[in-house]
Protein backbone atom coordinates (compact mmCIF):
# COMPACT_ATOMS: atom_id res chain seq x y z
CA MET A 1 58.62 4.86 -23.60
CA ALA A 2 56.42 6.37 -26.12
CA THR A 3 54.62 3.15 -27.23
CA ASP A 4 53.69 2.28 -24.16
CA ARG A 5 52.19 5.94 -23.55
CA ILE A 6 50.28 5.40 -26.77
CA SER A 7 49.02 1.97 -25.41
CA ARG A 8 48.29 3.24 -21.80
CA HIS A 9 46.23 5.88 -23.20
CA SER A 10 44.01 3.97 -25.84
CA GLY A 11 43.10 1.15 -23.25
CA ALA A 12 41.96 4.06 -21.10
CA GLY A 13 40.16 5.40 -23.85
CA ALA A 14 38.78 1.92 -24.53
CA GLY A 15 37.49 1.52 -20.86
CA ALA A 16 36.28 4.84 -20.23
CA ARG A 17 33.85 4.95 -23.29
CA PRO A 18 32.16 2.91 -25.57
CA GLY A 19 33.13 3.00 -29.16
CA ARG A 20 31.75 5.49 -31.51
CA PRO A 21 29.50 1.97 -33.84
CA ILE A 22 28.20 1.43 -30.54
CA ALA A 23 26.91 4.76 -29.22
CA VAL A 24 25.50 5.29 -32.50
CA ALA A 25 23.67 2.12 -32.49
CA LEU A 26 22.11 2.76 -29.23
CA ARG A 27 21.58 5.96 -29.89
CA LEU A 28 19.39 4.65 -33.07
CA THR A 29 17.90 2.01 -31.56
CA GLY A 30 16.83 4.04 -28.58
CA ALA A 31 15.18 6.66 -30.75
CA GLY A 32 13.33 3.87 -32.76
CA LEU A 33 12.45 2.20 -29.63
CA ILE A 34 10.76 4.77 -28.08
CA LEU A 35 9.37 5.86 -31.40
CA ALA A 36 7.59 2.41 -31.35
CA ALA A 37 6.01 2.72 -28.28
CA ALA A 38 4.50 5.69 -28.82
CA ALA A 39 3.25 4.34 -31.88
CA VAL A 40 1.80 1.54 -29.99
CA HIS A 41 0.26 4.14 -27.96
CA LEU A 42 -1.69 5.68 -31.13
CA ASP A 43 -2.88 2.72 -32.18
CA LEU A 44 -4.50 2.50 -29.08
CA TYR A 45 -5.81 5.55 -29.12
CA LEU A 46 -7.16 5.63 -32.16
CA THR A 47 -8.92 2.15 -31.78
CA GLY A 48 -10.61 2.31 -28.20
CA TYR A 49 -8.79 4.39 -26.05
CA ARG A 50 -9.55 7.55 -26.79
CA SER A 51 -13.14 7.09 -25.41
CA ILE A 52 -11.62 6.56 -21.80
CA PRO A 53 -12.14 9.76 -20.04
CA VAL A 54 -8.78 10.50 -18.56
CA ILE A 55 -7.02 7.67 -19.74
CA GLY A 56 -7.39 8.51 -24.00
CA GLY A 57 -6.00 12.01 -23.03
CA LEU A 58 -3.04 10.31 -21.14
CA PHE A 59 -2.63 7.75 -24.31
CA LEU A 60 -2.56 11.38 -26.81
CA LEU A 61 0.00 12.72 -24.38
CA GLN A 62 1.87 9.75 -24.12
CA VAL A 63 2.17 9.89 -28.23
CA VAL A 64 3.18 13.61 -28.24
CA VAL A 65 5.95 13.43 -25.92
CA GLY A 66 7.44 10.08 -27.15
CA VAL A 67 7.79 11.63 -30.30
CA GLY A 68 9.21 14.73 -29.19
CA LEU A 69 11.87 12.23 -27.33
CA GLY A 70 12.41 10.03 -30.22
CA ALA A 71 12.69 12.83 -32.53
CA ALA A 72 15.34 14.63 -30.42
CA VAL A 73 17.62 11.52 -29.62
CA LEU A 74 17.56 10.89 -33.26
CA VAL A 75 18.61 14.11 -34.24
CA THR A 76 20.51 15.62 -31.65
CA GLY A 77 21.99 13.10 -29.84
CA SER A 78 21.78 14.85 -26.88
CA ARG A 79 22.42 12.94 -23.42
CA LEU A 80 19.79 14.94 -21.66
CA ALA A 81 17.39 13.66 -24.08
CA ALA A 82 18.32 9.87 -24.06
CA ALA A 83 18.00 10.30 -20.18
CA ALA A 84 14.66 11.76 -20.31
CA GLY A 85 13.81 9.61 -22.83
CA ALA A 86 14.16 6.50 -20.14
CA LEU A 87 12.79 7.84 -17.55
CA PHE A 88 9.75 8.48 -19.79
CA ALA A 89 9.69 5.03 -21.08
CA LEU A 90 9.53 3.46 -17.53
CA ALA A 91 6.60 6.17 -16.50
CA THR A 92 4.93 4.74 -18.81
CA LEU A 93 5.18 1.68 -17.99
CA GLY A 94 4.35 2.36 -14.32
CA GLY A 95 1.45 3.74 -15.39
CA TYR A 96 0.74 0.52 -17.54
CA LEU A 97 0.79 -1.77 -14.16
CA LEU A 98 -0.89 0.53 -12.23
CA SER A 99 -3.65 0.29 -14.02
CA LEU A 100 -3.43 -3.44 -14.32
CA TRP A 101 -3.36 -3.90 -10.54
CA THR A 102 -5.28 -1.56 -9.05
CA GLY A 103 -6.67 0.71 -11.89
CA LEU A 104 -5.92 4.42 -13.03
CA PHE A 105 -8.48 7.45 -12.24
CA GLY A 106 -11.13 4.95 -12.56
CA PHE A 107 -10.50 2.22 -15.50
CA THR A 108 -9.20 -0.90 -14.74
CA GLU A 109 -7.03 -2.24 -17.59
CA VAL A 110 -7.37 -6.10 -18.95
CA ARG A 111 -4.65 -8.03 -20.37
CA THR A 112 -4.32 -7.34 -24.20
CA ALA A 113 -1.33 -8.41 -26.60
CA ALA A 114 -0.85 -4.72 -27.38
CA GLY A 115 -0.46 -3.71 -23.99
CA ILE A 116 2.06 -6.52 -23.54
CA ALA A 117 4.13 -5.39 -26.83
CA ALA A 118 3.98 -1.84 -25.44
CA GLY A 119 5.43 -2.90 -21.90
CA VAL A 120 7.97 -5.33 -23.38
CA ILE A 121 8.99 -2.02 -25.81
CA GLU A 122 9.34 0.43 -22.94
CA VAL A 123 11.14 -1.75 -21.14
CA ALA A 124 13.96 -2.22 -23.91
CA ALA A 125 13.85 1.72 -24.75
CA PHE A 126 14.32 2.37 -21.00
CA ALA A 127 17.78 -0.06 -21.16
CA THR A 128 18.91 1.03 -24.58
CA LEU A 129 18.42 5.26 -23.91
CA ALA A 130 19.76 4.66 -20.34
CA ALA A 131 23.47 3.43 -21.70
CA THR A 132 23.55 6.42 -24.14
CA ALA A 133 22.91 8.38 -21.34
CA ARG A 134 25.86 7.49 -19.35
CA PRO A 135 28.61 6.08 -21.69
CA GLY A 136 31.44 4.97 -20.11
CA LYS A 137 30.68 5.13 -16.74
CA GLY A 138 31.90 1.40 -16.73
CA ALA A 139 30.23 -2.02 -14.61
CA PRO A 140 28.81 -0.44 -12.03
CA ALA A 141 25.96 2.00 -14.32
CA ALA A 142 26.16 -1.12 -16.72
CA ALA A 143 24.88 -3.60 -13.69
CA ALA A 144 22.45 -0.93 -12.26
CA ILE A 145 20.60 -0.73 -15.62
CA GLY A 146 20.45 -4.08 -16.37
CA GLY A 147 18.87 -4.64 -12.19
CA VAL A 148 16.54 -2.05 -12.90
CA SER A 149 15.73 -3.81 -16.79
CA VAL A 150 15.03 -7.11 -14.93
CA ALA A 151 13.02 -6.38 -12.42
CA ALA A 152 11.02 -4.08 -14.44
CA LEU A 153 10.49 -6.99 -16.87
CA ALA A 154 9.68 -9.51 -13.59
CA LEU A 155 7.01 -6.89 -12.44
CA LEU A 156 5.08 -7.02 -16.21
CA GLY A 157 5.33 -10.53 -15.87
CA VAL A 158 3.69 -10.93 -12.65
CA ALA A 159 1.29 -7.93 -13.56
CA VAL A 160 -0.01 -9.79 -17.09
CA ALA A 161 -0.12 -12.94 -15.14
CA GLY A 162 -2.50 -11.76 -12.72
CA ALA A 163 -4.37 -9.34 -15.06
CA GLY A 164 -8.03 -10.15 -16.21
CA GLY A 165 -8.34 -10.23 -20.21
CA PRO A 166 -11.20 -11.56 -22.79
CA SER A 167 -11.24 -14.64 -23.27
CA ALA A 168 -11.52 -16.40 -26.78
CA GLY A 169 -15.21 -16.35 -25.64
CA GLY A 170 -15.78 -13.12 -25.05
CA THR A 171 -17.96 -12.00 -21.93
CA PRO A 172 -20.01 -14.77 -21.07
CA ALA A 173 -23.66 -13.96 -19.88
CA THR A 174 -24.15 -14.73 -16.54
CA ALA A 175 -27.70 -13.86 -15.85
CA ALA A 176 -30.89 -12.80 -18.24
CA LEU A 177 -30.52 -9.57 -20.12
CA ARG A 178 -31.66 -6.30 -18.61
CA THR A 179 -32.81 -2.95 -19.86
CA ALA A 180 -31.43 0.30 -18.20
CA THR A 181 -32.19 4.01 -19.38
CA ILE A 182 -29.30 6.19 -21.02
CA GLY A 183 -29.63 9.75 -21.98
CA GLY A 184 -33.19 9.13 -22.15
CA GLU A 185 -33.40 5.74 -24.16
CA THR A 186 -34.14 2.27 -22.79
CA VAL A 187 -31.31 -0.06 -24.02
CA LEU A 188 -30.62 -3.78 -23.58
CA THR A 189 -27.39 -4.81 -20.63
CA ASP A 190 -25.98 -7.74 -19.58
CA GLY A 191 -26.84 -9.25 -16.64
CA ARG A 192 -24.10 -7.49 -14.96
CA GLY A 193 -25.70 -3.95 -16.04
CA SER A 194 -23.19 -3.32 -18.44
CA THR A 195 -24.52 -1.75 -22.20
CA LEU A 196 -24.80 -3.97 -25.02
CA TYR A 197 -23.53 -2.81 -28.50
CA TRP A 198 -24.31 -3.83 -32.12
CA PHE A 199 -21.10 -2.88 -35.20
CA ALA A 200 -22.84 -1.52 -38.06
CA PRO A 201 -20.39 -3.63 -40.60
CA ASP A 202 -21.83 -7.21 -38.70
CA THR A 203 -24.52 -8.93 -40.40
CA PRO A 204 -26.97 -11.13 -39.09
CA ASP A 205 -25.30 -14.13 -39.44
CA ARG A 206 -21.46 -13.03 -39.04
CA SER A 207 -19.37 -11.26 -36.40
CA VAL A 208 -16.49 -9.02 -38.41
CA CYS A 209 -14.94 -7.51 -34.94
CA THR A 210 -12.26 -10.10 -34.18
CA ARG A 211 -8.99 -10.33 -32.55
CA ALA A 212 -7.72 -7.07 -31.49
CA CYS A 213 -11.21 -5.91 -32.11
CA ALA A 214 -12.34 -8.21 -29.72
CA GLN A 215 -10.26 -7.39 -26.82
CA TYR A 216 -11.98 -3.84 -26.76
CA TRP A 217 -15.86 -5.11 -27.75
CA PRO A 218 -16.00 -8.33 -26.06
CA PRO A 219 -18.74 -10.18 -27.47
CA LEU A 220 -21.44 -11.91 -25.38
CA THR A 221 -21.78 -15.43 -25.30
CA GLY A 222 -23.49 -18.09 -24.01
CA THR A 223 -27.22 -18.96 -24.00
CA PRO A 224 -28.87 -15.97 -21.75
CA ALA A 225 -33.06 -15.23 -21.86
CA LEU A 226 -34.72 -12.07 -22.05
CA GLY A 227 -35.54 -10.54 -18.68
CA PRO A 228 -39.07 -10.26 -17.54
CA GLY A 229 -41.18 -7.85 -20.40
CA ILE A 230 -38.05 -7.12 -22.83
CA PRO A 231 -39.64 -7.67 -26.66
CA GLY A 232 -37.73 -8.96 -29.25
CA ARG A 233 -35.61 -12.17 -30.00
CA LEU A 234 -32.79 -13.52 -29.06
CA GLY A 235 -30.22 -15.81 -30.92
CA THR A 236 -27.07 -17.23 -31.53
CA ILE A 237 -24.41 -17.21 -34.27
CA VAL A 238 -20.98 -19.21 -34.73
CA ARG A 239 -17.88 -16.72 -34.35
CA PRO A 240 -14.38 -17.39 -36.18
CA ASP A 241 -13.34 -19.15 -32.92
CA GLY A 242 -16.06 -21.08 -32.65
CA SER A 243 -17.59 -19.78 -29.64
CA ALA A 244 -21.12 -18.85 -29.76
CA GLN A 245 -22.73 -15.39 -29.69
CA VAL A 246 -25.64 -13.85 -28.84
CA THR A 247 -27.23 -12.04 -31.11
CA TYR A 248 -30.33 -9.34 -30.33
CA ASP A 249 -33.10 -9.05 -33.11
CA GLY A 250 -30.23 -9.71 -35.99
CA HIS A 251 -27.49 -8.22 -34.37
CA PRO A 252 -24.70 -9.58 -32.66
CA LEU A 253 -23.88 -8.08 -29.18
CA TYR A 254 -20.96 -6.91 -27.36
CA THR A 255 -19.70 -4.80 -24.09
CA TYR A 256 -17.39 -2.32 -24.36
CA ILE A 257 -13.51 -2.14 -22.51
CA ALA A 258 -14.43 1.70 -22.03
CA ASP A 259 -17.36 1.01 -19.47
CA THR A 260 -16.24 0.55 -16.14
CA ALA A 261 -19.83 0.72 -14.67
CA PRO A 262 -23.50 -0.19 -15.38
CA GLY A 263 -25.11 3.12 -16.90
CA GLN A 264 -22.31 3.91 -18.81
CA ALA A 265 -22.52 4.03 -22.75
CA ARG A 266 -19.37 5.33 -23.90
CA GLY A 267 -19.30 3.43 -26.99
CA ASP A 268 -22.35 4.62 -28.43
CA ASN A 269 -21.77 5.97 -31.93
CA ILE A 270 -18.13 6.01 -32.50
CA ASN A 271 -16.43 4.92 -35.39
CA LEU A 272 -13.88 2.67 -34.10
CA ASN A 273 -12.20 -0.78 -35.29
CA GLY A 274 -13.58 -0.12 -39.08
CA GLY A 275 -17.49 1.05 -38.19
CA VAL A 276 -19.90 2.83 -36.51
CA TRP A 277 -21.13 0.55 -32.39
CA HIS A 278 -24.37 1.65 -31.19
CA VAL A 279 -26.06 0.82 -28.17
CA VAL A 280 -29.14 -1.51 -28.61
CA PRO A 281 -32.33 0.14 -28.11
CA THR A 282 -35.01 -2.45 -26.73
CA ALA A 283 -37.62 -3.19 -29.86
CA ASP A 284 -40.91 -1.72 -29.39
């Protein structure tokens, strides 16, 4: 009889809640994932997004809140903190998907490896923190968490597949280069009116903006001409990926992801990706 009672009690306890090692593992993993997501957003903020109106502030907010929630889960083990972290991870993912699909606060996101990584981390953080917040709730809770996680991953895949992104060759020049007056200065633009930039660490025959840098500062490629009356000299250099990047008076040319409409020059005189960026004034 006593043995039966002990057995029934042990079985009920085992079915009601996960063992302590599993609970601790979920807690540590969930905290680590939400902190990792915050770290990715901090890197993105520092390397390009801080100059984007509203979006830059939202990235910084994500970092602050993510670190706070991650620390709370890690230190206190609070189920409330875990639940808040799970919802925050899901909301952050929702903002990313919205910016890919329709744009957010005037900014349309492009497909980047860092963005995809952050999205996957956020899905994993949601699943782990939701399980941490609802221990011992049985199969229905686990099924609900799993279903939401799978749906979130599917939406992420669809959004990423349909999103645009800088190609390996950068931004192709589709028409003759033009000029625009921005802040009282006449600067060079591509054929669609997007402001062109040069990068201080570059040399006349070499671009040092590659990989992640080139996702935020797509190099201008192709063989465009200068529009009527524009002084200066165009040329090309061969980038590390083999594409031909356009140069103007010895400066390799780039556009900037944060410039979402003609007449914008949000990248002028900012220090990102290892150097200072400048608009390209037309030659005298």
